[in-house]
Amino acid sequence: AVRDNEERAGAIGYNLKLLKLQAFVISGAVTGLAGALHAMMTGIAPLSNAEYHTSEMILVMTVIGGTGNLFASVLGSAFYVLMADWLSSLWPRWLLLLGLVLMAVSLWMQRGLWGLGDSVWRRLRSKLETKHE
């Protein structure tokens, strides 16, 4: 409720500061648990995991794929990895093209690639339903 309409949630009587704090604490705890499990699995926790480039790459994957859906993040990750592999073989400055893709997604597709696919799917489904009626 808070994410969709903050004013409305506040008007209903939700404690917005508490809810935001709870969301932050839960996400931090899950992230910490994931880091601990990763360190246990690999037996090492290198500082390279906390580099700026790694954090930036994860954020770009999420924005391109779309937020609010786990599969959107997976789609963004797959897109990033495939584009990095393909574009890096074509041009050494492939990150510039990825930056353009990121700007285009941010400006014209706020819900990311997943949102674009969802919109196309809904339009096709509604057209098919109107044809069958």
C-alpha atoms as a PDB file:
ATOM      1  CA  ALA A   1       0.000   0.000   0.000  1.00  0.00           C
ATOM      2  CA  VAL A   2       2.824   2.408   0.821  1.00  0.00           C
ATOM      3  CA  ARG A   3       4.664   1.783  -2.443  1.00  0.00           C
ATOM      4  CA  ASP A   4       1.597   2.274  -4.622  1.00  0.00           C
ATOM      5  CA  ASN A   5       0.115   5.346  -2.933  1.00  0.00           C
ATOM      6  CA  GLU A   6       1.944   6.799   0.035  1.00  0.00           C
ATOM      7  CA  GLU A   7      -0.560   9.588   0.689  1.00  0.00           C
ATOM      8  CA  ARG A   8      -3.483   7.201   0.724  1.00  0.00           C
ATOM      9  CA  ALA A   9      -1.719   4.781   3.064  1.00  0.00           C
ATOM     10  CA  GLY A  10      -0.984   7.656   5.435  1.00  0.00           C
ATOM     11  CA  ALA A  11      -4.584   8.857   5.262  1.00  0.00           C
ATOM     12  CA  ILE A  12      -5.854   5.375   6.116  1.00  0.00           C
ATOM     13  CA  GLY A  13      -3.734   5.453   9.238  1.00  0.00           C
ATOM     14  CA  TYR A  14      -0.622   3.440   8.462  1.00  0.00           C
ATOM     15  CA  ASN A  15       2.524   4.561  10.257  1.00  0.00           C
ATOM     16  CA  LEU A  16       4.622   5.323   7.188  1.00  0.00           C
ATOM     17  CA  LYS A  17       7.916   5.869   9.003  1.00  0.00           C
ATOM     18  CA  LEU A  18       7.585   2.557  10.820  1.00  0.00           C
ATOM     19  CA  LEU A  19       6.664   0.660   7.648  1.00  0.00           C
ATOM     20  CA  LYS A  20       9.586   2.147   5.727  1.00  0.00           C
ATOM     21  CA  LEU A  21      11.945   1.349   8.576  1.00  0.00           C
ATOM     22  CA  GLN A  22      10.649  -2.231   8.710  1.00  0.00           C
ATOM     23  CA  ALA A  23      11.127  -2.645   4.956  1.00  0.00           C
ATOM     24  CA  PHE A  24      14.668  -1.284   5.215  1.00  0.00           C
ATOM     25  CA  VAL A  25      15.543  -3.560   8.132  1.00  0.00           C
ATOM     26  CA  ILE A  26      14.081  -6.653   6.441  1.00  0.00           C
ATOM     27  CA  SER A  27      15.899  -5.950   3.166  1.00  0.00           C
ATOM     28  CA  GLY A  28      19.147  -5.357   5.048  1.00  0.00           C
ATOM     29  CA  ALA A  29      18.710  -8.590   6.998  1.00  0.00           C
ATOM     30  CA  VAL A  30      18.012 -10.595   3.845  1.00  0.00           C
ATOM     31  CA  THR A  31      21.015  -9.019   2.123  1.00  0.00           C
ATOM     32  CA  GLY A  32      23.224  -9.770   5.117  1.00  0.00           C
ATOM     33  CA  LEU A  33      21.996 -13.357   5.202  1.00  0.00           C
ATOM     34  CA  ALA A  34      22.712 -13.728   1.486  1.00  0.00           C
ATOM     35  CA  GLY A  35      26.222 -12.369   1.994  1.00  0.00           C
ATOM     36  CA  ALA A  36      26.839 -14.706   4.924  1.00  0.00           C
ATOM     37  CA  LEU A  37      25.607 -17.715   2.950  1.00  0.00           C
ATOM     38  CA  HIS A  38      27.776 -16.714  -0.001  1.00  0.00           C
ATOM     39  CA  ALA A  39      30.829 -16.411   2.242  1.00  0.00           C
ATOM     40  CA  MET A  40      30.102 -19.792   3.823  1.00  0.00           C
ATOM     41  CA  MET A  41      29.630 -21.426   0.439  1.00  0.00           C
ATOM     42  CA  THR A  42      32.798 -20.030  -1.126  1.00  0.00           C
ATOM     43  CA  GLY A  43      34.830 -19.963   2.068  1.00  0.00           C
ATOM     44  CA  ILE A  44      35.902 -16.386   1.415  1.00  0.00           C
ATOM     45  CA  ALA A  45      34.403 -12.897   1.564  1.00  0.00           C
ATOM     46  CA  PRO A  46      36.619 -10.780  -0.690  1.00  0.00           C
ATOM     47  CA  LEU A  47      36.361  -7.000  -0.762  1.00  0.00           C
ATOM     48  CA  SER A  48      35.838  -7.202  -4.517  1.00  0.00           C
ATOM     49  CA  ASN A  49      32.231  -8.217  -3.784  1.00  0.00           C
ATOM     50  CA  ALA A  50      31.618  -4.725  -2.409  1.00  0.00           C
ATOM     51  CA  GLU A  51      33.194  -2.793  -5.276  1.00  0.00           C
ATOM     52  CA  TYR A  52      31.339   0.061  -6.899  1.00  0.00           C
ATOM     53  CA  HIS A  53      31.219  -1.725 -10.245  1.00  0.00           C
ATOM     54  CA  THR A  54      29.504  -4.795  -8.777  1.00  0.00           C
ATOM     55  CA  SER A  55      26.846  -2.732  -7.014  1.00  0.00           C
ATOM     56  CA  GLU A  56      26.326  -0.625 -10.113  1.00  0.00           C
ATOM     57  CA  MET A  57      25.978  -3.707 -12.303  1.00  0.00           C
ATOM     58  CA  ILE A  58      23.310  -5.193 -10.012  1.00  0.00           C
ATOM     59  CA  LEU A  59      21.389  -1.908  -9.996  1.00  0.00           C
ATOM     60  CA  VAL A  60      21.526  -1.649 -13.796  1.00  0.00           C
ATOM     61  CA  MET A  61      20.279  -5.238 -14.131  1.00  0.00           C
ATOM     62  CA  THR A  62      17.346  -4.480 -11.843  1.00  0.00           C
ATOM     63  CA  VAL A  63      16.388  -1.219 -13.552  1.00  0.00           C
ATOM     64  CA  ILE A  64      16.563  -2.699 -17.048  1.00  0.00           C
ATOM     65  CA  GLY A  65      14.586  -5.782 -16.066  1.00  0.00           C
ATOM     66  CA  GLY A  66      12.038  -3.914 -13.992  1.00  0.00           C
ATOM     67  CA  THR A  67      11.181  -3.647 -10.336  1.00  0.00           C
ATOM     68  CA  GLY A  68       8.462  -5.267  -8.294  1.00  0.00           C
ATOM     69  CA  ASN A  69       8.911  -8.749  -9.698  1.00  0.00           C
ATOM     70  CA  LEU A  70      11.600 -11.376  -9.144  1.00  0.00           C
ATOM     71  CA  PHE A  71      11.384 -12.604 -12.729  1.00  0.00           C
ATOM     72  CA  ALA A  72      11.954  -9.038 -13.950  1.00  0.00           C
ATOM     73  CA  SER A  73      15.301  -8.994 -12.169  1.00  0.00           C
ATOM     74  CA  VAL A  74      16.200 -12.337 -13.736  1.00  0.00           C
ATOM     75  CA  LEU A  75      15.235 -10.940 -17.153  1.00  0.00           C
ATOM     76  CA  GLY A  76      17.368  -7.846 -16.533  1.00  0.00           C
ATOM     77  CA  SER A  77      20.307 -10.006 -15.475  1.00  0.00           C
ATOM     78  CA  ALA A  78      20.017 -12.188 -18.562  1.00  0.00           C
ATOM     79  CA  PHE A  79      19.739  -9.111 -20.787  1.00  0.00           C
ATOM     80  CA  TYR A  80      22.811  -7.532 -19.184  1.00  0.00           C
ATOM     81  CA  VAL A  81      24.947 -10.661 -19.451  1.00  0.00           C
ATOM     82  CA  LEU A  82      23.935 -11.378 -23.056  1.00  0.00           C
ATOM     83  CA  MET A  83      24.397  -7.763 -24.146  1.00  0.00           C
ATOM     84  CA  ALA A  84      27.761  -7.544 -22.362  1.00  0.00           C
ATOM     85  CA  ASP A  85      28.953 -10.702 -24.086  1.00  0.00           C
ATOM     86  CA  TRP A  86      27.672  -9.691 -27.515  1.00  0.00           C
ATOM     87  CA  LEU A  87      28.543  -5.984 -27.451  1.00  0.00           C
ATOM     88  CA  SER A  88      31.993  -6.407 -25.906  1.00  0.00           C
ATOM     89  CA  SER A  89      33.019  -8.526 -28.878  1.00  0.00           C
ATOM     90  CA  LEU A  90      31.823  -5.805 -31.280  1.00  0.00           C
ATOM     91  CA  TRP A  91      33.069  -2.647 -29.597  1.00  0.00           C
ATOM     92  CA  PRO A  92      35.395  -2.091 -26.637  1.00  0.00           C
ATOM     93  CA  ARG A  93      33.285   0.846 -25.400  1.00  0.00           C
ATOM     94  CA  TRP A  94      30.132  -1.240 -25.125  1.00  0.00           C
ATOM     95  CA  LEU A  95      29.257   0.278 -21.745  1.00  0.00           C
ATOM     96  CA  LEU A  96      28.311   3.500 -23.558  1.00  0.00           C
ATOM     97  CA  LEU A  97      25.635   1.598 -25.464  1.00  0.00           C
ATOM     98  CA  LEU A  98      24.455  -0.024 -22.261  1.00  0.00           C
ATOM     99  CA  GLY A  99      24.201   3.452 -20.736  1.00  0.00           C
ATOM    100  CA  LEU A 100      21.980   4.524 -23.631  1.00  0.00           C
ATOM    101  CA  VAL A 101      19.785   1.468 -23.067  1.00  0.00           C
ATOM    102  CA  LEU A 102      19.575   2.324 -19.373  1.00  0.00           C
ATOM    103  CA  MET A 103      18.566   5.920 -20.157  1.00  0.00           C
ATOM    104  CA  ALA A 104      15.942   4.753 -22.655  1.00  0.00           C
ATOM    105  CA  VAL A 105      14.474   2.313 -20.144  1.00  0.00           C
ATOM    106  CA  SER A 106      14.454   4.980 -17.429  1.00  0.00           C
ATOM    107  CA  LEU A 107      12.773   7.565 -19.646  1.00  0.00           C
ATOM    108  CA  TRP A 108      10.302   5.553 -21.691  1.00  0.00           C
ATOM    109  CA  MET A 109       9.833   2.194 -19.966  1.00  0.00           C
ATOM    110  CA  GLN A 110       9.728   2.901 -16.243  1.00  0.00           C
ATOM    111  CA  ARG A 111       8.619  -0.669 -15.518  1.00  0.00           C
ATOM    112  CA  GLY A 112      11.584  -2.089 -17.438  1.00  0.00           C
ATOM    113  CA  LEU A 113      11.635  -4.886 -19.975  1.00  0.00           C
ATOM    114  CA  TRP A 114       9.252  -6.962 -17.874  1.00  0.00           C
ATOM    115  CA  GLY A 115       6.713  -4.130 -17.909  1.00  0.00           C
ATOM    116  CA  LEU A 116       7.096  -3.788 -21.674  1.00  0.00           C
ATOM    117  CA  GLY A 117       6.499  -7.507 -22.153  1.00  0.00           C
ATOM    118  CA  ASP A 118       3.530  -7.377 -19.786  1.00  0.00           C
ATOM    119  CA  SER A 119       1.982  -4.469 -21.726  1.00  0.00           C
ATOM    120  CA  VAL A 120       2.454  -6.234 -25.059  1.00  0.00           C
ATOM    121  CA  TRP A 121       0.972  -9.451 -23.633  1.00  0.00           C
ATOM    122  CA  ARG A 122      -2.098  -7.621 -22.292  1.00  0.00           C
ATOM    123  CA  ARG A 123      -2.711  -5.880 -25.616  1.00  0.00           C
ATOM    124  CA  LEU A 124      -2.412  -9.125 -27.564  1.00  0.00           C
ATOM    125  CA  ARG A 125      -4.677 -10.934 -25.133  1.00  0.00           C
ATOM    126  CA  SER A 126      -7.331  -8.212 -25.286  1.00  0.00           C
ATOM    127  CA  LYS A 127      -7.217  -8.210 -29.098  1.00  0.00           C
ATOM    128  CA  LEU A 128      -7.592 -11.991 -29.182  1.00  0.00           C
ATOM    129  CA  GLU A 129     -10.508 -11.834 -26.740  1.00  0.00           C
ATOM    130  CA  THR A 130     -12.302  -9.209 -28.835  1.00  0.00           C
ATOM    131  CA  LYS A 131     -11.821 -11.306 -31.993  1.00  0.00           C
ATOM    132  CA  HIS A 132     -13.405 -14.358 -30.375  1.00  0.00           C
ATOM    133  CA  GLU A 133     -16.452 -12.448 -29.138  1.00  0.00           C
END
